[in-house]
Amino acid sequence: MGTTAAIILGSHSDWPTIEPCYHQLQEFEIDVEVQVLSAHRTPDKLREYVLSAEDRVGVFIAAAGMAAALPGAVAAYTIRPVIGIPVASAPLQGIDSLLSMVQMPPGVPVATVAIGSAGARNAAILAAQILAPSVPKLRDRLKNFKSKQAESVDKNCQALQERLRGG
């Protein structure tokens, strides 16, 4: 399995929402490919890219708003894991995207994260967890990441307790 993550955007306008995913993947030192390909406007190019990337990409991350067909289309062309990021777009603020991703038909799974930038960051963390079993250094980076999160919670709790005691 490849150790690269591929981020596919349905539109270049999705980038501000998806950028935290890219940066989190970089923090984990995961190679990242970024493409703008549409399930509706460039279906042949999407198919060609996914099929050509199969050997080097270990996980696909597909971000889309509105009808959000992109993650399902990617999943139709690969046996690699696909993570969908719903992008908030008017008028339904991403609920339509979320539902289209989580309601995939049997046999075409798409792991789906929260709507927006928080989901984008979680998509990167999930991608790292998918790739980590075959990359020992990535396992160590993930363990360190989780440890730092726990330390941050502990520090915040201590600060709150001090404040409540009048300190």
N, C-alpha and C. Protein backbone atom coordinates (compact mmCIF):
# COMPACT_ATOMS: atom_id res chain seq x y z
N MET A 1 0.85 -1.18 0.00
CA MET A 1 0.00 0.00 0.00
C MET A 1 0.89 1.23 0.00
N GLY A 2 0.48 2.23 -0.76
CA GLY A 2 1.20 3.49 -0.78
C GLY A 2 1.05 4.22 0.54
N THR A 3 1.97 5.12 0.79
CA THR A 3 1.94 5.88 2.04
C THR A 3 1.62 7.35 1.80
N THR A 4 1.15 7.66 0.63
CA THR A 4 0.76 9.03 0.29
C THR A 4 -0.73 9.18 0.52
N ALA A 5 -1.13 10.38 0.93
CA ALA A 5 -2.55 10.72 1.02
C ALA A 5 -2.88 11.63 -0.15
N ALA A 6 -3.99 11.38 -0.79
CA ALA A 6 -4.45 12.22 -1.88
C ALA A 6 -5.67 13.00 -1.42
N ILE A 7 -5.61 14.31 -1.56
CA ILE A 7 -6.76 15.17 -1.28
C ILE A 7 -7.34 15.58 -2.62
N ILE A 8 -8.62 15.29 -2.80
CA ILE A 8 -9.30 15.68 -4.04
C ILE A 8 -10.41 16.66 -3.66
N LEU A 9 -10.35 17.83 -4.25
CA LEU A 9 -11.36 18.86 -4.03
C LEU A 9 -12.32 18.86 -5.20
N GLY A 10 -13.59 19.00 -4.90
CA GLY A 10 -14.58 19.10 -5.97
C GLY A 10 -14.54 20.45 -6.67
N SER A 11 -14.02 21.45 -5.97
CA SER A 11 -13.91 22.80 -6.51
C SER A 11 -12.77 23.52 -5.81
N HIS A 12 -12.08 24.38 -6.54
CA HIS A 12 -10.97 25.12 -5.92
C HIS A 12 -11.47 26.01 -4.77
N SER A 13 -12.74 26.37 -4.79
CA SER A 13 -13.29 27.22 -3.73
C SER A 13 -13.41 26.47 -2.39
N ASP A 14 -13.23 25.16 -2.40
CA ASP A 14 -13.27 24.37 -1.17
C ASP A 14 -11.96 24.45 -0.38
N TRP A 15 -10.90 24.98 -0.99
CA TRP A 15 -9.58 24.97 -0.37
C TRP A 15 -9.54 25.59 1.03
N PRO A 16 -10.15 26.76 1.27
CA PRO A 16 -10.07 27.32 2.63
C PRO A 16 -10.60 26.37 3.71
N THR A 17 -11.60 25.59 3.38
CA THR A 17 -12.14 24.62 4.33
C THR A 17 -11.20 23.44 4.51
N ILE A 18 -10.54 23.03 3.45
CA ILE A 18 -9.74 21.82 3.44
C ILE A 18 -8.28 22.06 3.82
N GLU A 19 -7.85 23.27 3.80
CA GLU A 19 -6.45 23.58 4.10
C GLU A 19 -5.96 23.01 5.44
N PRO A 20 -6.78 23.00 6.52
CA PRO A 20 -6.30 22.38 7.76
C PRO A 20 -5.96 20.89 7.61
N CYS A 21 -6.63 20.21 6.72
CA CYS A 21 -6.32 18.81 6.44
C CYS A 21 -4.91 18.70 5.86
N TYR A 22 -4.63 19.53 4.89
CA TYR A 22 -3.31 19.53 4.23
C TYR A 22 -2.21 19.80 5.25
N HIS A 23 -2.40 20.82 6.08
CA HIS A 23 -1.37 21.18 7.05
C HIS A 23 -1.19 20.10 8.12
N GLN A 24 -2.28 19.46 8.54
CA GLN A 24 -2.15 18.38 9.53
C GLN A 24 -1.40 17.20 8.93
N LEU A 25 -1.68 16.87 7.68
CA LEU A 25 -0.94 15.79 7.02
C LEU A 25 0.55 16.14 6.94
N GLN A 26 0.86 17.39 6.65
CA GLN A 26 2.26 17.82 6.60
C GLN A 26 2.92 17.70 7.98
N GLU A 27 2.19 18.06 9.03
CA GLU A 27 2.74 17.93 10.38
C GLU A 27 3.09 16.48 10.70
N PHE A 28 2.31 15.54 10.17
CA PHE A 28 2.60 14.12 10.36
C PHE A 28 3.67 13.62 9.39
N GLU A 29 4.15 14.52 8.51
CA GLU A 29 5.16 14.19 7.49
C GLU A 29 4.67 13.13 6.52
N ILE A 30 3.41 13.25 6.15
CA ILE A 30 2.80 12.37 5.15
C ILE A 30 2.86 13.08 3.81
N ASP A 31 3.32 12.37 2.79
CA ASP A 31 3.31 12.93 1.44
C ASP A 31 1.88 13.16 1.02
N VAL A 32 1.63 14.31 0.37
CA VAL A 32 0.27 14.68 0.00
C VAL A 32 0.22 15.09 -1.46
N GLU A 33 -0.77 14.59 -2.15
CA GLU A 33 -1.09 15.06 -3.50
C GLU A 33 -2.42 15.79 -3.40
N VAL A 34 -2.54 16.92 -4.08
CA VAL A 34 -3.79 17.68 -4.08
C VAL A 34 -4.24 17.85 -5.53
N GLN A 35 -5.50 17.52 -5.76
CA GLN A 35 -6.09 17.64 -7.10
C GLN A 35 -7.45 18.33 -6.97
N VAL A 36 -7.83 19.07 -8.00
CA VAL A 36 -9.19 19.59 -8.12
C VAL A 36 -9.82 18.83 -9.28
N LEU A 37 -10.77 17.97 -8.93
CA LEU A 37 -11.45 17.13 -9.92
C LEU A 37 -12.91 17.01 -9.52
N SER A 38 -13.79 17.08 -10.47
CA SER A 38 -15.21 17.06 -10.18
C SER A 38 -15.85 15.75 -10.66
N ALA A 39 -16.67 15.17 -9.79
CA ALA A 39 -17.41 13.97 -10.17
C ALA A 39 -18.37 14.26 -11.32
N HIS A 40 -18.84 15.51 -11.40
CA HIS A 40 -19.83 15.89 -12.40
C HIS A 40 -19.22 16.57 -13.63
N ARG A 41 -18.22 17.42 -13.42
CA ARG A 41 -17.68 18.21 -14.53
C ARG A 41 -16.46 17.58 -15.19
N THR A 42 -15.70 16.75 -14.45
CA THR A 42 -14.52 16.09 -15.03
C THR A 42 -14.49 14.61 -14.63
N PRO A 43 -15.55 13.88 -14.89
CA PRO A 43 -15.58 12.48 -14.43
C PRO A 43 -14.49 11.60 -15.05
N ASP A 44 -14.14 11.82 -16.31
CA ASP A 44 -13.10 11.00 -16.94
C ASP A 44 -11.74 11.27 -16.31
N LYS A 45 -11.44 12.54 -16.03
CA LYS A 45 -10.17 12.89 -15.39
C LYS A 45 -10.12 12.35 -13.96
N LEU A 46 -11.24 12.37 -13.27
CA LEU A 46 -11.30 11.82 -11.92
C LEU A 46 -10.98 10.32 -11.96
N ARG A 47 -11.64 9.61 -12.82
CA ARG A 47 -11.41 8.17 -12.95
C ARG A 47 -9.95 7.88 -13.28
N GLU A 48 -9.41 8.60 -14.24
CA GLU A 48 -8.02 8.41 -14.67
C GLU A 48 -7.06 8.67 -13.50
N TYR A 49 -7.29 9.74 -12.76
CA TYR A 49 -6.40 10.05 -11.64
C TYR A 49 -6.46 8.96 -10.57
N VAL A 50 -7.65 8.58 -10.14
CA VAL A 50 -7.77 7.58 -9.07
C VAL A 50 -7.13 6.27 -9.49
N LEU A 51 -7.40 5.82 -10.70
CA LEU A 51 -6.82 4.56 -11.16
C LEU A 51 -5.30 4.64 -11.26
N SER A 52 -4.78 5.78 -11.69
CA SER A 52 -3.32 5.92 -11.84
C SER A 52 -2.64 6.09 -10.48
N ALA A 53 -3.36 6.53 -9.47
CA ALA A 53 -2.78 6.79 -8.15
C ALA A 53 -2.84 5.57 -7.24
N GLU A 54 -3.53 4.55 -7.62
CA GLU A 54 -3.79 3.39 -6.77
C GLU A 54 -2.53 2.80 -6.12
N ASP A 55 -1.42 2.73 -6.84
CA ASP A 55 -0.22 2.10 -6.29
C ASP A 55 0.55 2.99 -5.31
N ARG A 56 0.45 4.30 -5.45
CA ARG A 56 1.24 5.19 -4.60
C ARG A 56 0.42 5.82 -3.47
N VAL A 57 -0.91 5.82 -3.59
CA VAL A 57 -1.77 6.45 -2.60
C VAL A 57 -2.36 5.39 -1.67
N GLY A 58 -2.22 5.63 -0.37
CA GLY A 58 -2.76 4.69 0.61
C GLY A 58 -4.16 5.05 1.06
N VAL A 59 -4.52 6.33 0.95
CA VAL A 59 -5.84 6.78 1.37
C VAL A 59 -6.22 8.02 0.54
N PHE A 60 -7.48 8.05 0.14
CA PHE A 60 -8.01 9.20 -0.58
C PHE A 60 -8.89 10.01 0.36
N ILE A 61 -8.76 11.31 0.29
CA ILE A 61 -9.61 12.23 1.04
C ILE A 61 -10.32 13.08 0.00
N ALA A 62 -11.64 13.03 -0.01
CA ALA A 62 -12.41 13.75 -1.03
C ALA A 62 -13.34 14.74 -0.36
N ALA A 63 -13.24 16.00 -0.76
CA ALA A 63 -14.05 17.06 -0.17
C ALA A 63 -15.03 17.60 -1.19
N ALA A 64 -16.29 17.73 -0.77
CA ALA A 64 -17.29 18.23 -1.70
C ALA A 64 -18.46 18.85 -0.95
N GLY A 65 -19.08 19.78 -1.60
CA GLY A 65 -20.29 20.40 -1.06
C GLY A 65 -21.49 20.02 -1.92
N MET A 66 -22.62 20.49 -1.51
CA MET A 66 -23.90 20.28 -2.20
C MET A 66 -24.18 18.78 -2.37
N ALA A 67 -24.34 18.31 -3.60
CA ALA A 67 -24.68 16.90 -3.83
C ALA A 67 -23.58 15.96 -3.36
N ALA A 68 -22.34 16.45 -3.29
CA ALA A 68 -21.21 15.74 -2.71
C ALA A 68 -21.00 14.34 -3.27
N ALA A 69 -21.07 14.19 -4.57
CA ALA A 69 -20.89 12.88 -5.19
C ALA A 69 -19.43 12.46 -5.26
N LEU A 70 -18.51 13.39 -5.06
CA LEU A 70 -17.09 13.10 -5.26
C LEU A 70 -16.56 11.94 -4.42
N PRO A 71 -16.77 11.89 -3.09
CA PRO A 71 -16.23 10.76 -2.34
C PRO A 71 -16.75 9.41 -2.83
N GLY A 72 -18.02 9.33 -3.14
CA GLY A 72 -18.58 8.08 -3.64
C GLY A 72 -18.02 7.70 -5.00
N ALA A 73 -17.80 8.69 -5.85
CA ALA A 73 -17.21 8.42 -7.16
C ALA A 73 -15.78 7.91 -7.00
N VAL A 74 -15.03 8.51 -6.10
CA VAL A 74 -13.67 8.03 -5.84
C VAL A 74 -13.73 6.59 -5.33
N ALA A 75 -14.61 6.32 -4.38
CA ALA A 75 -14.73 4.98 -3.81
C ALA A 75 -15.12 3.94 -4.87
N ALA A 76 -15.82 4.36 -5.88
CA ALA A 76 -16.22 3.44 -6.94
C ALA A 76 -15.03 2.95 -7.76
N TYR A 77 -13.94 3.74 -7.78
CA TYR A 77 -12.78 3.41 -8.62
C TYR A 77 -11.61 2.79 -7.87
N THR A 78 -11.70 2.67 -6.54
CA THR A 78 -10.53 2.21 -5.79
C THR A 78 -10.91 1.23 -4.69
N ILE A 79 -9.92 0.44 -4.29
CA ILE A 79 -10.09 -0.40 -3.11
C ILE A 79 -9.43 0.25 -1.90
N ARG A 80 -8.82 1.40 -2.08
CA ARG A 80 -8.20 2.13 -0.97
C ARG A 80 -9.30 2.80 -0.13
N PRO A 81 -9.01 3.08 1.15
CA PRO A 81 -9.99 3.80 1.96
C PRO A 81 -10.24 5.20 1.41
N VAL A 82 -11.48 5.63 1.53
CA VAL A 82 -11.87 6.97 1.10
C VAL A 82 -12.52 7.67 2.30
N ILE A 83 -12.03 8.87 2.57
CA ILE A 83 -12.58 9.70 3.64
C ILE A 83 -13.27 10.90 2.98
N GLY A 84 -14.52 11.12 3.32
CA GLY A 84 -15.26 12.25 2.77
C GLY A 84 -15.31 13.40 3.76
N ILE A 85 -15.07 14.60 3.24
CA ILE A 85 -15.21 15.81 4.05
C ILE A 85 -16.36 16.63 3.47
N PRO A 86 -17.46 16.75 4.20
CA PRO A 86 -18.56 17.60 3.73
C PRO A 86 -18.19 19.07 3.86
N VAL A 87 -18.41 19.80 2.78
CA VAL A 87 -18.12 21.23 2.77
C VAL A 87 -19.43 21.99 2.92
N ALA A 88 -19.45 22.94 3.84
CA ALA A 88 -20.66 23.75 4.04
C ALA A 88 -20.86 24.66 2.84
N SER A 89 -22.02 24.57 2.24
CA SER A 89 -22.37 25.44 1.12
C SER A 89 -23.85 25.79 1.24
N ALA A 90 -24.18 26.95 0.71
CA ALA A 90 -25.58 27.40 0.78
C ALA A 90 -26.43 26.50 -0.09
N PRO A 91 -27.67 26.31 0.18
CA PRO A 91 -28.43 26.87 1.29
C PRO A 91 -28.50 25.96 2.51
N LEU A 92 -27.98 24.74 2.44
CA LEU A 92 -28.16 23.78 3.54
C LEU A 92 -26.95 23.66 4.46
N GLN A 93 -25.95 24.49 4.27
CA GLN A 93 -24.78 24.58 5.16
C GLN A 93 -24.05 23.26 5.38
N GLY A 94 -24.05 22.40 4.40
CA GLY A 94 -23.28 21.16 4.48
C GLY A 94 -24.06 19.93 4.92
N ILE A 95 -25.29 20.13 5.40
CA ILE A 95 -26.10 18.97 5.81
C ILE A 95 -26.35 18.07 4.60
N ASP A 96 -26.62 18.66 3.44
CA ASP A 96 -26.83 17.88 2.22
C ASP A 96 -25.58 17.06 1.87
N SER A 97 -24.42 17.69 2.00
CA SER A 97 -23.16 17.00 1.71
C SER A 97 -22.94 15.85 2.68
N LEU A 98 -23.15 16.12 3.95
CA LEU A 98 -22.97 15.10 4.99
C LEU A 98 -23.86 13.89 4.71
N LEU A 99 -25.13 14.14 4.46
CA LEU A 99 -26.06 13.03 4.24
C LEU A 99 -25.72 12.24 2.99
N SER A 100 -25.28 12.91 1.94
CA SER A 100 -24.95 12.16 0.72
C SER A 100 -23.72 11.29 0.92
N MET A 101 -22.83 11.69 1.83
CA MET A 101 -21.62 10.88 2.09
C MET A 101 -21.91 9.71 3.02
N VAL A 102 -22.67 9.93 4.07
CA VAL A 102 -22.91 8.85 5.02
C VAL A 102 -23.97 7.86 4.54
N GLN A 103 -24.74 8.23 3.53
CA GLN A 103 -25.80 7.36 3.02
C GLN A 103 -25.37 6.63 1.74
N MET A 104 -24.10 6.21 1.69
CA MET A 104 -23.62 5.48 0.52
C MET A 104 -24.30 4.11 0.47
N PRO A 105 -24.49 3.59 -0.74
CA PRO A 105 -25.11 2.27 -0.85
C PRO A 105 -24.16 1.18 -0.37
N PRO A 106 -24.71 0.03 0.02
CA PRO A 106 -23.87 -1.09 0.46
C PRO A 106 -22.82 -1.43 -0.58
N GLY A 107 -21.61 -1.65 -0.11
CA GLY A 107 -20.52 -2.03 -1.01
C GLY A 107 -19.67 -0.88 -1.46
N VAL A 108 -20.04 0.35 -1.13
CA VAL A 108 -19.27 1.54 -1.54
C VAL A 108 -19.09 2.43 -0.30
N PRO A 109 -18.25 1.98 0.65
CA PRO A 109 -18.11 2.74 1.89
C PRO A 109 -17.29 4.01 1.72
N VAL A 110 -17.71 5.04 2.42
CA VAL A 110 -16.97 6.29 2.53
C VAL A 110 -16.97 6.67 4.01
N ALA A 111 -15.80 6.71 4.62
CA ALA A 111 -15.69 7.19 5.99
C ALA A 111 -15.94 8.70 5.93
N THR A 112 -16.80 9.20 6.78
CA THR A 112 -17.19 10.61 6.70
C THR A 112 -16.92 11.30 8.02
N VAL A 113 -16.34 12.49 7.93
CA VAL A 113 -16.03 13.28 9.11
C VAL A 113 -16.99 14.46 9.20
N ALA A 114 -16.80 15.29 10.20
CA ALA A 114 -17.68 16.44 10.44
C ALA A 114 -17.62 17.44 9.28
N ILE A 115 -18.64 18.25 9.22
CA ILE A 115 -18.72 19.31 8.21
C ILE A 115 -17.66 20.37 8.51
N GLY A 116 -16.97 20.82 7.48
CA GLY A 116 -16.08 21.97 7.60
C GLY A 116 -14.66 21.68 8.03
N SER A 117 -14.00 22.73 8.55
CA SER A 117 -12.57 22.67 8.87
C SER A 117 -12.23 21.68 9.97
N ALA A 118 -13.10 21.54 10.98
CA ALA A 118 -12.84 20.55 12.03
C ALA A 118 -12.82 19.16 11.42
N GLY A 119 -13.76 18.89 10.53
CA GLY A 119 -13.78 17.61 9.83
C GLY A 119 -12.56 17.42 8.96
N ALA A 120 -12.10 18.50 8.35
CA ALA A 120 -10.90 18.42 7.50
C ALA A 120 -9.69 18.00 8.32
N ARG A 121 -9.54 18.58 9.49
CA ARG A 121 -8.42 18.20 10.36
C ARG A 121 -8.58 16.75 10.81
N ASN A 122 -9.79 16.36 11.18
CA ASN A 122 -10.01 14.96 11.59
C ASN A 122 -9.76 13.99 10.44
N ALA A 123 -10.04 14.40 9.22
CA ALA A 123 -9.77 13.54 8.06
C ALA A 123 -8.27 13.25 7.96
N ALA A 124 -7.45 14.25 8.23
CA ALA A 124 -6.00 14.05 8.19
C ALA A 124 -5.56 13.09 9.29
N ILE A 125 -6.13 13.24 10.48
CA ILE A 125 -5.77 12.35 11.59
C ILE A 125 -6.22 10.92 11.29
N LEU A 126 -7.42 10.77 10.76
CA LEU A 126 -7.90 9.44 10.38
C LEU A 126 -7.02 8.84 9.28
N ALA A 127 -6.64 9.64 8.31
CA ALA A 127 -5.75 9.15 7.24
C ALA A 127 -4.43 8.67 7.84
N ALA A 128 -3.89 9.42 8.79
CA ALA A 128 -2.64 9.02 9.45
C ALA A 128 -2.83 7.70 10.18
N GLN A 129 -3.97 7.53 10.84
CA GLN A 129 -4.23 6.28 11.54
C GLN A 129 -4.36 5.11 10.58
N ILE A 130 -4.89 5.35 9.41
CA ILE A 130 -5.01 4.30 8.39
C ILE A 130 -3.64 3.90 7.87
N LEU A 131 -2.77 4.88 7.66
CA LEU A 131 -1.44 4.62 7.10
C LEU A 131 -0.44 4.12 8.14
N ALA A 132 -0.65 4.46 9.40
CA ALA A 132 0.34 4.20 10.46
C ALA A 132 0.76 2.74 10.62
N PRO A 133 -0.12 1.75 10.47
CA PRO A 133 0.35 0.38 10.69
C PRO A 133 1.54 -0.04 9.82
N SER A 134 1.69 0.57 8.66
CA SER A 134 2.81 0.19 7.79
C SER A 134 3.96 1.20 7.83
N VAL A 135 3.87 2.22 8.69
CA VAL A 135 4.91 3.25 8.77
C VAL A 135 5.26 3.50 10.24
N PRO A 136 6.28 2.81 10.77
CA PRO A 136 6.61 2.94 12.19
C PRO A 136 6.82 4.39 12.66
N LYS A 137 7.48 5.22 11.88
CA LYS A 137 7.71 6.61 12.29
C LYS A 137 6.39 7.38 12.41
N LEU A 138 5.45 7.04 11.55
CA LEU A 138 4.13 7.69 11.61
C LEU A 138 3.39 7.25 12.88
N ARG A 139 3.52 6.00 13.26
CA ARG A 139 2.92 5.54 14.52
C ARG A 139 3.45 6.36 15.69
N ASP A 140 4.76 6.60 15.69
CA ASP A 140 5.37 7.40 16.75
C ASP A 140 4.85 8.84 16.73
N ARG A 141 4.71 9.41 15.54
CA ARG A 141 4.19 10.79 15.43
C ARG A 141 2.75 10.87 15.95
N LEU A 142 1.95 9.87 15.64
CA LEU A 142 0.57 9.84 16.13
C LEU A 142 0.52 9.71 17.65
N LYS A 143 1.35 8.84 18.19
CA LYS A 143 1.39 8.69 19.65
C LYS A 143 1.80 10.01 20.31
N ASN A 144 2.76 10.70 19.74
CA ASN A 144 3.20 11.99 20.26
C ASN A 144 2.08 13.02 20.15
N PHE A 145 1.38 13.02 19.03
CA PHE A 145 0.26 13.93 18.82
C PHE A 145 -0.81 13.74 19.90
N LYS A 146 -1.18 12.48 20.12
CA LYS A 146 -2.20 12.17 21.13
C LYS A 146 -1.73 12.55 22.53
N SER A 147 -0.46 12.32 22.80
CA SER A 147 0.10 12.67 24.10
C SER A 147 0.06 14.19 24.32
N LYS A 148 0.39 14.95 23.30
CA LYS A 148 0.34 16.42 23.41
C LYS A 148 -1.09 16.91 23.62
N GLN A 149 -2.05 16.25 22.98
CA GLN A 149 -3.45 16.62 23.20
C GLN A 149 -3.83 16.40 24.66
N ALA A 150 -3.44 15.27 25.21
CA ALA A 150 -3.76 14.96 26.60
C ALA A 150 -3.09 15.96 27.54
N GLU A 151 -1.84 16.30 27.27
CA GLU A 151 -1.13 17.28 28.09
C GLU A 151 -1.83 18.63 28.06
N SER A 152 -2.32 19.02 26.91
CA SER A 152 -3.02 20.30 26.77
C SER A 152 -4.30 20.31 27.61
N VAL A 153 -5.03 19.22 27.59
CA VAL A 153 -6.25 19.13 28.40
C VAL A 153 -5.89 19.22 29.88
N ASP A 154 -4.84 18.51 30.29
CA ASP A 154 -4.42 18.53 31.70
C ASP A 154 -4.03 19.95 32.12
N LYS A 155 -3.26 20.65 31.28
CA LYS A 155 -2.84 22.02 31.60
C LYS A 155 -4.05 22.95 31.70
N ASN A 156 -4.99 22.80 30.79
CA ASN A 156 -6.18 23.64 30.83
C ASN A 156 -7.02 23.36 32.07
N CYS A 157 -7.11 22.11 32.45
CA CYS A 157 -7.85 21.75 33.66
C CYS A 157 -7.18 22.35 34.89
N GLN A 158 -5.88 22.24 34.97
CA GLN A 158 -5.15 22.81 36.11
C GLN A 158 -5.35 24.33 36.18
N ALA A 159 -5.27 25.00 35.04
CA ALA A 159 -5.45 26.45 35.01
C ALA A 159 -6.86 26.82 35.47
N LEU A 160 -7.86 26.07 35.05
CA LEU A 160 -9.23 26.33 35.47
C LEU A 160 -9.39 26.11 36.98
N GLN A 161 -8.82 25.04 37.49
CA GLN A 161 -8.91 24.75 38.92
C GLN A 161 -8.25 25.87 39.74
N GLU A 162 -7.12 26.36 39.29
CA GLU A 162 -6.44 27.46 39.97
C GLU A 162 -7.32 28.72 39.96
N ARG A 163 -7.90 28.99 38.82
CA ARG A 163 -8.77 30.18 38.69
C ARG A 163 -9.98 30.07 39.62
N LEU A 164 -10.55 28.88 39.71
CA LEU A 164 -11.71 28.67 40.57
C LEU A 164 -11.36 28.79 42.05
N ARG A 165 -10.12 28.44 42.39
CA ARG A 165 -9.66 28.57 43.77
C ARG A 165 -9.26 30.02 44.11
N GLY A 166 -9.31 30.87 43.10
CA GLY A 166 -8.92 32.28 43.31
C GLY A 166 -7.45 32.54 43.14
N GLY A 167 -6.79 31.61 42.47
CA GLY A 167 -5.34 31.71 42.29
C GLY A 167 -4.99 32.39 41.08
